[in-house]
N, C-alpha and C. Protein backbone atom coordinates (compact mmCIF):
# COMPACT_ATOMS: atom_id res chain seq x y z
N GLN A 1 49.62 92.70 179.32
CA GLN A 1 50.55 93.41 179.49
C GLN A 1 52.01 92.81 178.93
N VAL A 2 52.50 93.15 178.19
CA VAL A 2 53.48 92.21 177.73
C VAL A 2 54.76 92.91 178.33
N GLN A 3 55.76 91.60 179.15
CA GLN A 3 56.45 91.93 179.69
C GLN A 3 57.70 90.68 179.30
N LEU A 4 59.24 91.47 179.25
CA LEU A 4 60.07 90.12 179.57
C LEU A 4 61.10 90.62 180.77
N VAL A 5 61.45 90.10 180.93
CA VAL A 5 62.20 89.73 182.37
C VAL A 5 63.06 89.24 182.19
N GLU A 6 64.54 89.79 182.18
CA GLU A 6 65.61 89.07 182.25
C GLU A 6 66.33 89.28 183.71
N THR A 7 67.10 88.08 184.03
CA THR A 7 67.76 87.73 185.30
C THR A 7 69.10 86.98 185.17
N GLY A 8 69.80 86.94 186.28
CA GLY A 8 70.75 86.04 185.89
C GLY A 8 72.28 86.91 185.54
N GLY A 9 72.29 88.27 185.04
CA GLY A 9 73.88 88.99 185.14
C GLY A 9 74.22 88.98 186.05
N GLY A 10 75.72 89.67 186.19
CA GLY A 10 76.50 89.84 187.42
C GLY A 10 77.80 90.09 187.13
N LEU A 11 78.60 90.02 188.00
CA LEU A 11 80.07 89.92 187.75
C LEU A 11 80.88 88.50 187.81
N VAL A 12 81.55 88.34 186.78
CA VAL A 12 82.10 87.11 186.94
C VAL A 12 83.44 87.38 186.34
N GLN A 13 84.31 86.49 186.89
CA GLN A 13 85.97 86.28 186.34
C GLN A 13 85.74 85.74 185.07
N PRO A 14 87.01 86.23 184.21
CA PRO A 14 87.24 85.54 182.73
C PRO A 14 87.30 84.04 182.80
N GLY A 15 86.45 83.72 181.93
CA GLY A 15 86.80 82.00 181.81
C GLY A 15 85.54 81.37 182.60
N GLY A 16 84.57 82.30 183.34
CA GLY A 16 83.92 81.87 184.04
C GLY A 16 82.33 81.69 183.20
N SER A 17 81.37 81.27 183.59
CA SER A 17 79.80 81.29 183.24
C SER A 17 79.12 81.94 184.19
N LEU A 18 78.00 81.89 183.19
CA LEU A 18 76.30 82.68 183.79
C LEU A 18 75.56 82.11 183.16
N ARG A 19 74.59 81.80 183.23
CA ARG A 19 73.15 81.74 182.44
C ARG A 19 71.88 82.86 182.82
N LEU A 20 71.36 83.37 181.52
CA LEU A 20 70.81 84.46 181.73
C LEU A 20 69.39 83.79 181.11
N SER A 21 68.27 84.29 182.04
CA SER A 21 67.03 83.78 181.56
C SER A 21 66.24 85.32 181.37
N CYS A 22 65.41 84.78 180.31
CA CYS A 22 64.07 85.93 180.28
C CYS A 22 62.92 85.32 180.19
N LYS A 23 61.70 85.79 181.26
CA LYS A 23 60.58 85.51 181.48
C LYS A 23 59.50 86.37 180.65
N ALA A 24 58.92 85.41 180.05
CA ALA A 24 57.77 86.50 179.18
C ALA A 24 56.57 86.32 179.65
N SER A 25 55.89 87.38 179.15
CA SER A 25 54.25 86.97 179.56
C SER A 25 53.38 88.28 178.76
N GLY A 26 52.32 88.00 178.63
CA GLY A 26 51.18 88.83 177.97
C GLY A 26 51.46 88.97 176.24
N PHE A 27 51.91 87.79 175.87
CA PHE A 27 51.73 87.19 174.65
C PHE A 27 52.19 85.86 174.51
N ILE A 28 51.70 85.01 173.18
CA ILE A 28 51.84 84.02 172.90
C ILE A 28 53.35 83.38 172.66
N PHE A 29 53.70 83.46 173.62
CA PHE A 29 55.38 83.05 173.73
C PHE A 29 56.07 82.26 172.41
N SER A 30 55.47 81.05 172.21
CA SER A 30 55.68 79.75 171.04
C SER A 30 55.73 80.47 169.93
N TRP A 31 54.65 81.44 169.67
CA TRP A 31 54.72 82.10 168.41
C TRP A 31 56.05 82.73 167.96
N TYR A 32 56.60 83.39 168.77
CA TYR A 32 57.74 84.50 168.48
C TYR A 32 59.18 83.84 168.63
N ALA A 33 59.93 84.30 167.71
CA ALA A 33 61.34 84.18 167.65
C ALA A 33 62.08 84.88 168.91
N MET A 34 62.87 84.38 169.58
CA MET A 34 63.46 85.04 170.78
C MET A 34 64.88 85.30 170.79
N SER A 35 65.64 86.37 171.13
CA SER A 35 66.78 86.65 170.66
C SER A 35 67.46 87.28 171.79
N TRP A 36 68.84 87.21 172.02
CA TRP A 36 69.58 88.02 173.00
C TRP A 36 70.22 89.13 172.44
N TYR A 37 70.41 90.35 172.67
CA TYR A 37 71.56 91.39 172.59
C TYR A 37 72.09 91.80 172.99
N ARG A 38 73.01 92.47 173.04
CA ARG A 38 73.94 93.13 173.90
C ARG A 38 74.56 94.50 173.71
N GLN A 39 74.59 95.34 174.24
CA GLN A 39 75.15 96.60 174.35
C GLN A 39 76.37 96.83 175.32
N ALA A 40 77.62 97.23 174.73
CA ALA A 40 78.73 97.61 175.62
C ALA A 40 78.86 99.05 175.45
N PRO A 41 79.40 99.70 176.61
CA PRO A 41 79.27 101.19 176.64
C PRO A 41 79.85 101.90 175.49
N GLY A 42 79.50 102.78 174.61
CA GLY A 42 80.01 103.58 173.40
C GLY A 42 79.70 102.45 172.13
N LYS A 43 79.01 101.52 172.28
CA LYS A 43 78.65 100.49 170.83
C LYS A 43 77.41 100.90 170.89
N GLU A 44 76.96 100.13 169.29
CA GLU A 44 75.52 100.12 169.06
C GLU A 44 75.44 98.10 169.83
N ARG A 45 74.03 98.14 169.92
CA ARG A 45 73.63 97.03 170.41
C ARG A 45 73.56 95.89 169.36
N GLU A 46 74.18 94.97 169.41
CA GLU A 46 74.22 93.74 168.56
C GLU A 46 73.82 92.52 168.95
N LEU A 47 73.22 91.78 167.84
CA LEU A 47 72.65 90.58 168.11
C LEU A 47 73.78 89.52 168.72
N VAL A 48 73.19 89.01 169.59
CA VAL A 48 74.11 87.82 170.41
C VAL A 48 74.01 86.41 169.82
N ALA A 49 72.56 85.94 169.99
CA ALA A 49 71.75 85.02 169.60
C ALA A 49 70.76 84.70 169.21
N LEU A 50 70.03 84.16 168.52
CA LEU A 50 68.59 83.99 168.15
C LEU A 50 68.16 82.24 168.10
N ILE A 51 66.69 82.16 168.51
CA ILE A 51 66.36 80.94 168.12
C ILE A 51 65.24 81.11 168.16
N ALA A 52 64.75 80.22 166.89
CA ALA A 52 63.38 80.14 166.08
C ALA A 52 62.32 79.56 167.29
N THR A 53 61.25 79.62 166.18
CA THR A 53 60.06 78.88 167.18
C THR A 53 60.38 77.24 167.22
N VAL A 54 61.27 77.08 166.34
CA VAL A 54 61.37 75.57 166.21
C VAL A 54 62.96 75.64 167.02
N GLU A 55 62.98 74.86 167.91
CA GLU A 55 64.27 74.99 168.83
C GLU A 55 65.65 74.42 168.16
N SER A 56 65.28 73.78 166.97
CA SER A 56 66.51 73.61 166.35
C SER A 56 67.30 74.20 165.62
N ASN A 57 66.42 75.59 165.41
CA ASN A 57 66.98 76.72 164.44
C ASN A 57 67.51 78.03 165.25
N THR A 58 69.05 77.69 165.32
CA THR A 58 69.85 78.85 166.34
C THR A 58 70.67 79.56 165.59
N ASN A 59 71.13 80.60 165.90
CA ASN A 59 71.91 81.59 165.10
C ASN A 59 73.02 82.27 166.21
N TYR A 60 73.85 82.28 165.93
CA TYR A 60 74.94 83.26 166.97
C TYR A 60 75.91 84.21 166.21
N ALA A 61 76.08 85.35 166.72
CA ALA A 61 77.18 86.14 166.58
C ALA A 61 78.35 85.00 166.39
N ASP A 62 79.33 85.24 165.61
CA ASP A 62 80.80 84.90 165.39
C ASP A 62 81.64 85.14 166.57
N SER A 63 81.37 86.14 167.21
CA SER A 63 82.27 86.32 168.60
C SER A 63 81.70 85.12 169.82
N VAL A 64 80.39 84.79 169.86
CA VAL A 64 80.21 83.98 171.09
C VAL A 64 80.07 82.35 170.44
N LYS A 65 80.21 81.86 168.93
CA LYS A 65 79.94 80.85 168.90
C LYS A 65 80.88 79.92 169.47
N GLY A 66 80.54 78.59 170.06
CA GLY A 66 81.25 77.77 170.96
C GLY A 66 81.49 78.09 172.06
N ARG A 67 80.68 79.14 172.73
CA ARG A 67 80.82 79.79 174.19
C ARG A 67 78.98 79.69 174.69
N PHE A 68 78.65 80.29 173.93
CA PHE A 68 77.23 80.82 174.45
C PHE A 68 76.24 79.63 173.41
N THR A 69 75.05 79.27 174.30
CA THR A 69 74.11 78.56 173.76
C THR A 69 72.52 79.17 174.42
N ILE A 70 71.98 79.30 173.33
CA ILE A 70 70.29 79.79 173.56
C ILE A 70 69.72 78.96 173.73
N SER A 71 68.60 78.41 174.26
CA SER A 71 67.92 77.59 174.63
C SER A 71 66.39 78.33 175.01
N ARG A 72 65.26 77.67 174.92
CA ARG A 72 63.92 78.11 175.33
C ARG A 72 62.91 76.73 175.72
N ASP A 73 62.23 77.44 176.69
CA ASP A 73 61.22 76.40 177.20
C ASP A 73 59.67 76.95 176.83
N ASN A 74 58.99 76.59 175.94
CA ASN A 74 57.92 77.12 175.82
C ASN A 74 56.87 77.28 176.85
N ALA A 75 56.78 75.93 177.61
CA ALA A 75 56.00 75.17 178.79
C ALA A 75 56.21 76.87 179.72
N LYS A 76 57.52 76.94 180.25
CA LYS A 76 57.70 78.18 181.20
C LYS A 76 57.50 79.69 180.59
N ASN A 77 57.68 79.58 179.06
CA ASN A 77 57.64 80.82 178.70
C ASN A 77 59.08 81.83 178.69
N THR A 78 59.91 81.00 178.97
CA THR A 78 61.35 81.63 179.03
C THR A 78 62.24 81.07 178.08
N VAL A 79 63.34 82.36 177.50
CA VAL A 79 64.44 81.47 176.85
C VAL A 79 65.77 81.65 177.77
N TYR A 80 66.77 81.23 177.44
CA TYR A 80 67.73 81.16 178.09
C TYR A 80 69.06 81.47 177.49
N LEU A 81 70.34 81.89 178.22
CA LEU A 81 71.36 82.09 177.43
C LEU A 81 72.54 81.31 178.57
N GLN A 82 73.04 80.59 177.72
CA GLN A 82 73.83 80.33 178.72
C GLN A 82 75.27 80.33 177.96
N MET A 83 76.41 80.85 179.07
CA MET A 83 77.39 81.64 178.41
C MET A 83 78.51 81.22 179.47
N ASN A 84 79.54 80.64 178.76
CA ASN A 84 80.77 80.03 179.42
C ASN A 84 81.78 80.79 178.72
N SER A 85 83.20 80.20 179.20
CA SER A 85 84.26 80.88 179.02
C SER A 85 84.25 82.11 178.63
N LEU A 86 83.79 82.95 179.63
CA LEU A 86 83.37 84.49 179.25
C LEU A 86 84.87 85.00 179.39
N LYS A 87 84.81 86.40 178.54
CA LYS A 87 85.82 87.25 178.34
C LYS A 87 85.30 88.84 178.87
N PHE A 88 86.49 89.54 178.84
CA PHE A 88 86.77 91.02 179.21
C PHE A 88 85.47 91.64 178.32
N GLU A 89 85.44 90.98 176.78
CA GLU A 89 84.79 91.99 176.02
C GLU A 89 83.48 91.41 175.83
N ASP A 90 82.67 90.40 176.96
CA ASP A 90 81.50 90.09 176.54
C ASP A 90 80.74 91.06 177.77
N THR A 91 81.11 92.10 178.45
CA THR A 91 80.95 92.93 179.22
C THR A 91 79.68 93.33 178.39
N ALA A 92 78.65 93.59 179.30
CA ALA A 92 77.82 94.46 178.21
C ALA A 92 76.48 94.55 179.04
N VAL A 93 75.31 95.29 178.34
CA VAL A 93 74.11 95.54 179.26
C VAL A 93 73.35 93.75 178.12
N TYR A 94 72.65 93.11 178.63
CA TYR A 94 72.01 91.89 178.00
C TYR A 94 70.70 92.36 177.90
N TYR A 95 70.14 92.31 176.54
CA TYR A 95 68.78 92.33 176.15
C TYR A 95 68.11 91.17 175.78
N CYS A 96 66.71 90.88 176.06
CA CYS A 96 65.68 89.44 175.54
C CYS A 96 64.97 90.49 174.81
N ASN A 97 64.96 89.89 173.62
CA ASN A 97 64.03 90.23 172.34
C ASN A 97 63.20 89.44 171.99
N ALA A 98 61.79 89.78 171.74
CA ALA A 98 60.73 88.86 171.21
C ALA A 98 60.24 89.25 170.02
N ARG A 99 60.27 88.49 168.71
CA ARG A 99 59.79 89.26 167.66
C ARG A 99 58.79 88.00 167.02
N TRP A 100 57.65 88.73 166.13
CA TRP A 100 56.82 87.77 165.32
C TRP A 100 55.79 89.06 164.67
N ALA A 101 55.98 88.73 163.42
CA ALA A 101 55.09 89.72 162.56
C ALA A 101 55.12 90.94 162.69
N SER A 102 54.32 91.91 163.45
CA SER A 102 54.18 93.48 163.81
C SER A 102 55.04 93.53 165.17
N GLY A 103 54.77 92.43 165.97
CA GLY A 103 55.24 92.33 167.64
C GLY A 103 56.66 92.27 167.32
N ASN A 104 57.36 93.41 168.41
CA ASN A 104 58.66 93.57 168.66
C ASN A 104 59.02 93.95 170.33
N TYR A 105 59.33 92.95 171.08
CA TYR A 105 59.30 93.76 172.33
C TYR A 105 60.53 93.65 173.11
N TRP A 106 61.05 94.26 174.11
CA TRP A 106 62.46 94.17 174.52
C TRP A 106 62.15 94.39 176.25
N GLY A 107 63.24 93.42 176.63
CA GLY A 107 63.28 93.64 178.14
C GLY A 107 64.20 94.66 178.45
N GLN A 108 64.36 94.92 179.84
CA GLN A 108 64.76 96.10 180.51
C GLN A 108 66.55 95.99 180.44
N GLY A 109 66.92 94.47 180.27
CA GLY A 109 68.42 94.57 180.21
C GLY A 109 68.87 94.26 181.54
N THR A 110 69.73 93.32 181.72
CA THR A 110 70.66 92.86 182.56
C THR A 110 72.16 93.10 182.30
N GLN A 111 72.59 93.71 183.37
CA GLN A 111 74.42 93.50 183.19
C GLN A 111 75.14 92.48 183.39
N VAL A 112 75.76 92.37 182.61
CA VAL A 112 77.45 91.24 182.61
C VAL A 112 78.52 92.23 182.61
N THR A 113 78.92 91.69 183.97
CA THR A 113 80.58 92.33 184.11
C THR A 113 81.45 91.50 184.04
N VAL A 114 82.46 91.17 183.52
CA VAL A 114 83.39 90.11 183.11
C VAL A 114 84.74 91.09 183.24
N SER A 115 85.08 90.55 184.90
CA SER A 115 86.44 91.68 185.54
C SER A 115 87.34 90.55 186.36
N SER A 116 88.45 90.78 186.20
CA SER A 116 89.54 90.06 187.46
C SER A 116 89.44 91.10 188.52
C-alpha cells in the first residue's frame, strides 16, 4: 500500500524556519521524482519544489527560491523541505507528491501557518 506521510508543519513567526518531512512507503522511492506542493485558502495548488531521482536536479517556484531547499534521502525513503525566512504568504497546506511513469501519489498534507 502506497503511503506518503508529511510531518513538520506548524505555527511559526515571520522570518522563522520549519523543516517538513515526507516518509514514503509502498513503492520504489528512488525511482520517483519527489515534489512539494502547497495550497492556500481560495487558491489553486501550486508546485513549490521538485527534486529528481538524481539529487542534483532540483527546481523551485520563483516565490521560494533562495529560501527553501528540497532534499531527499533514498536510504530513508524520505524527502525534506527546509523552509527559511518564512513569510505570511507561505501559509498553506503543504503536500508531498511522488511521480514516475503512471504512478502519481499524494500525501494528506501538513499545515504551515506563518503568523505573528
